[in-house]
Protein backbone atom coordinates (compact mmCIF):
# COMPACT_ATOMS: atom_id res chain seq x y z
CA MET A 1 250.23 62.07 126.31
CA LYS A 2 249.30 63.97 122.87
CA LYS A 3 252.10 64.99 120.47
CA PRO A 4 252.18 68.85 120.10
CA LEU A 5 250.77 70.06 116.99
CA LYS A 6 254.28 71.83 115.70
CA GLU A 7 255.95 67.64 115.01
CA TYR A 8 253.09 67.14 112.81
CA GLU A 9 253.82 67.46 108.84
CA LEU A 10 250.46 68.60 108.12
CA VAL A 11 247.90 70.03 110.39
CA VAL A 12 244.71 71.45 108.98
CA ALA A 13 242.17 72.97 111.17
CA GLN A 14 239.02 73.99 110.81
CA GLY A 15 239.30 76.60 112.25
CA ARG A 16 236.49 78.63 115.42
CA ARG A 17 232.98 78.87 114.84
CA PRO A 18 231.55 81.65 114.50
CA ILE A 19 229.61 83.49 117.89
CA TRP A 20 226.21 83.72 116.65
CA GLN A 21 226.97 78.96 116.22
CA LEU A 22 228.82 78.85 119.59
CA ILE A 23 225.76 80.82 121.30
CA ILE A 24 222.98 78.50 119.73
CA ALA A 25 224.90 75.80 121.02
CA ALA A 26 225.05 76.99 124.68
CA ILE A 27 221.29 77.97 124.08
CA CYS A 28 220.64 74.01 123.13
CA PHE A 29 223.00 72.70 125.83
CA THR A 30 221.36 74.46 128.76
CA ILE A 31 218.16 73.30 127.70
CA LEU A 32 219.12 69.93 127.88
CA ILE A 33 220.57 70.11 130.95
CA TYR A 34 217.44 71.89 132.12
CA ILE A 35 214.71 68.99 130.76
CA ILE A 36 217.16 66.40 132.15
CA TYR A 37 216.75 68.36 135.45
CA TRP A 38 212.91 68.53 135.45
CA GLU A 39 212.47 64.95 133.99
CA THR A 40 214.57 64.04 136.95
CA ILE A 41 213.15 65.58 139.56
CA LEU A 42 209.53 64.00 137.79
CA ILE A 43 210.73 60.93 138.46
CA TRP A 44 212.02 61.42 142.06
CA LYS A 45 208.76 63.03 143.22
CA ASN A 46 206.53 60.87 141.18
CA GLY A 47 208.53 57.35 140.84
CA PHE A 48 208.83 55.71 138.09
CA ASN A 49 205.05 54.44 137.09
CA VAL A 50 202.53 55.24 134.03
CA SER A 51 202.52 59.51 134.24
CA THR A 52 206.22 59.45 134.52
CA GLY A 53 206.41 57.03 131.56
CA ASN A 54 204.25 58.19 128.99
CA THR A 55 206.84 61.74 129.61
CA PHE A 56 209.74 59.43 128.22
CA PRO A 57 209.22 59.48 124.35
CA ALA A 58 208.68 63.27 124.22
CA PHE A 59 211.96 63.22 126.59
CA GLY A 60 213.81 61.39 124.22
CA LYS A 61 213.07 62.96 121.05
CA ALA A 62 213.68 66.72 123.03
CA PHE A 63 217.17 65.09 124.11
CA GLY A 64 218.12 63.92 121.55
CA THR A 65 217.50 66.88 119.29
CA LEU A 66 219.19 69.20 121.28
CA LEU A 67 222.02 67.27 121.53
CA ALA A 68 222.32 66.88 118.11
CA LEU A 69 222.08 70.11 117.24
CA GLY A 70 224.23 71.02 120.35
CA ILE A 71 226.99 69.03 118.91
CA SER A 72 226.60 70.19 114.97
CA PHE A 73 226.65 74.12 115.95
CA SER A 74 230.19 74.05 118.69
CA ILE A 75 231.83 70.70 116.98
CA THR A 76 235.36 71.29 115.23
CA LYS A 77 237.51 69.03 113.04
CA THR A 78 241.35 69.74 112.72
CA VAL A 79 243.67 66.73 110.46
CA LEU A 80 246.90 65.89 111.91
CA ILE A 81 248.96 64.23 109.85
CA ASP A 82 252.27 62.77 110.65
CA THR A 83 254.18 60.86 107.43
CA ASP A 84 257.05 59.96 109.95
CA SER A 85 254.79 57.35 111.79
CA ASP A 86 252.31 57.07 108.61
CA LEU A 87 249.48 58.42 111.87
CA LEU A 88 246.49 60.45 109.99
CA ILE A 89 244.62 61.78 112.95
CA SER A 90 241.49 63.07 112.67
CA ARG A 91 240.27 65.10 115.92
CA PHE A 92 237.19 65.64 116.20
CA CYS A 93 236.19 68.53 119.82
CA VAL A 94 233.08 70.24 120.88
CA GLY A 95 234.47 72.51 123.69
CA PRO A 96 236.67 70.79 126.05
CA PHE A 97 236.16 67.44 124.93
CA SER A 98 238.19 65.97 122.11
CA ARG A 99 238.40 62.52 120.03
CA ASP A 100 240.93 61.58 117.78
CA VAL A 101 240.61 59.15 115.28
CA LYS A 102 243.29 57.92 113.38
CA SER A 103 244.21 56.26 111.04
CA LYS A 104 246.57 54.26 108.42
CA VAL A 105 248.02 57.66 106.47
CA PRO A 106 246.80 55.83 103.29
CA GLN A 107 249.52 56.08 99.95
CA LEU A 108 248.99 59.61 98.53
CA GLU A 109 248.49 60.66 95.35
CA TYR A 110 247.86 64.66 94.56
CA VAL A 111 245.69 67.03 95.98
CA SER A 112 243.20 68.68 93.80
CA VAL A 113 240.78 71.79 93.51
CA PHE A 114 237.59 72.13 91.75
CA LEU A 115 234.32 74.40 91.76
CA ASP A 116 230.90 72.65 93.13
CA SER A 117 227.49 72.95 92.63
CA LYS A 118 227.35 75.43 95.09
CA GLU A 119 229.91 77.62 93.82
CA ASN A 120 232.62 76.93 96.62
CA TYR A 121 236.01 75.62 95.71
CA GLU A 122 236.55 72.29 97.46
CA VAL A 123 240.17 71.22 97.92
CA ASN A 124 240.65 67.20 98.41
CA LEU A 125 243.04 64.62 99.46
CA TRP A 126 243.68 62.30 96.58
CA TYR A 127 244.92 58.85 97.59
CA VAL A 128 244.84 54.96 96.42
CA ARG A 129 243.08 55.40 93.43
CA ASN A 130 239.41 57.31 93.44
CA LYS A 131 239.54 57.36 96.84
CA HIS A 132 239.05 60.99 98.62
CA TYR A 133 238.95 63.54 101.91
CA ARG A 134 237.12 66.46 101.12
CA MET A 135 239.58 68.98 103.22
CA TYR A 136 238.23 71.97 103.18
CA ASP A 137 235.11 74.87 101.22
CA PHE A 138 236.88 78.30 100.11
CA ASP A 139 234.63 81.19 99.17
CA LYS A 140 237.73 82.10 97.04
CA LYS A 141 239.89 80.34 94.27
CA GLU A 142 243.30 82.63 94.85
CA THR A 143 242.55 81.11 98.43
CA ALA A 144 241.84 77.61 97.44
CA ILE A 145 244.76 77.16 95.00
CA GLU A 146 247.13 78.88 98.20
CA PHE A 147 246.38 76.54 100.72
CA ALA A 148 246.04 73.70 98.10
CA THR A 149 250.17 74.57 96.93
CA LYS A 150 250.71 74.91 100.91
CA VAL A 151 249.28 70.68 101.44
CA ALA A 152 251.23 69.56 98.02
CA LEU A 153 254.32 71.17 98.93
CA LYS A 154 254.18 69.37 102.62
CA LEU A 155 253.06 66.48 101.75
CA LYS A 156 255.54 66.20 98.71
CA ILE A 157 252.81 65.19 96.41
CA ASP A 158 251.04 66.63 92.76
CA LEU A 159 248.32 69.70 92.78
CA LEU A 160 245.40 69.22 90.11
CA ASP A 161 243.42 72.62 89.46
CA ALA A 162 240.24 71.18 88.15
CA THR A 163 238.42 74.40 89.12
CA GLU A 164 236.99 74.96 84.82
CA LYS A 165 234.68 71.85 84.02
CA GLY A 166 236.41 69.46 80.85
CA ASN A 167 239.85 72.07 81.70
CA SER A 168 241.83 70.12 83.97
CA LYS A 169 245.46 71.11 84.34
CA TRP A 170 248.62 70.01 86.35
CA ILE A 171 250.17 73.14 88.67
CA ASP A 172 253.98 73.51 88.71
CA LEU A 173 254.91 73.43 92.49
CA PRO A 174 257.91 75.47 93.47
CA LYS A 175 261.14 73.12 94.13
CA SER A 176 261.86 74.70 97.19
CA GLN A 177 259.66 75.17 100.30
CA SER A 178 259.01 77.62 102.49
C-alpha cells in the first residue's frame, strides 16, 4: 500500500500536462492501437509468411515511435522525500499507470537557483559534493526563489542564489517554518 502524499517531508509534483499535449498523446496511443489491430488481422488471415514478415520492420518502427511520443507527451513526474525513513521516491505516471523508483536519500547539502542557457531559472537540489538533482525550471526568478525557499526550509538546508553569473550569494532563510 502506498503512503499518503501528506506523510512525506517534501512532495514536488510536476502538475498536469497542458491539454494540447494530452491530445497529441491520445492520438499517438489511438494510432498505435489501430496499427496493432491491423497487424494482428494481417497475421491472422495470412499466417506467418514472407509478405507478413516484411511488414514487421515498418510495424516495429511505427510502434516504437508512437509509443515513445505518446509516453513523452503524457508522462508526469513526482518526487517524494521522506527524511524519517531516509527514502526518495521518483514516481512516473502515464494516465492511471505509475512506477515508483525508490532510492536512499543522499546527504543533502543545499538548494540552488540559477539562470540556464535557455533563460529559465532552474532549481537544483545538491548532494554529495558536486552531484545535483534538477528539480524544475521556472520562467520568473521570484517564483523559482519562492519554490527553492520552501524546499530549503522543509529539508532544513541552505539556499544559494546563483542567478547572476559570478555573483552567487547565500540567502538567509526565516528561522520558523510556515
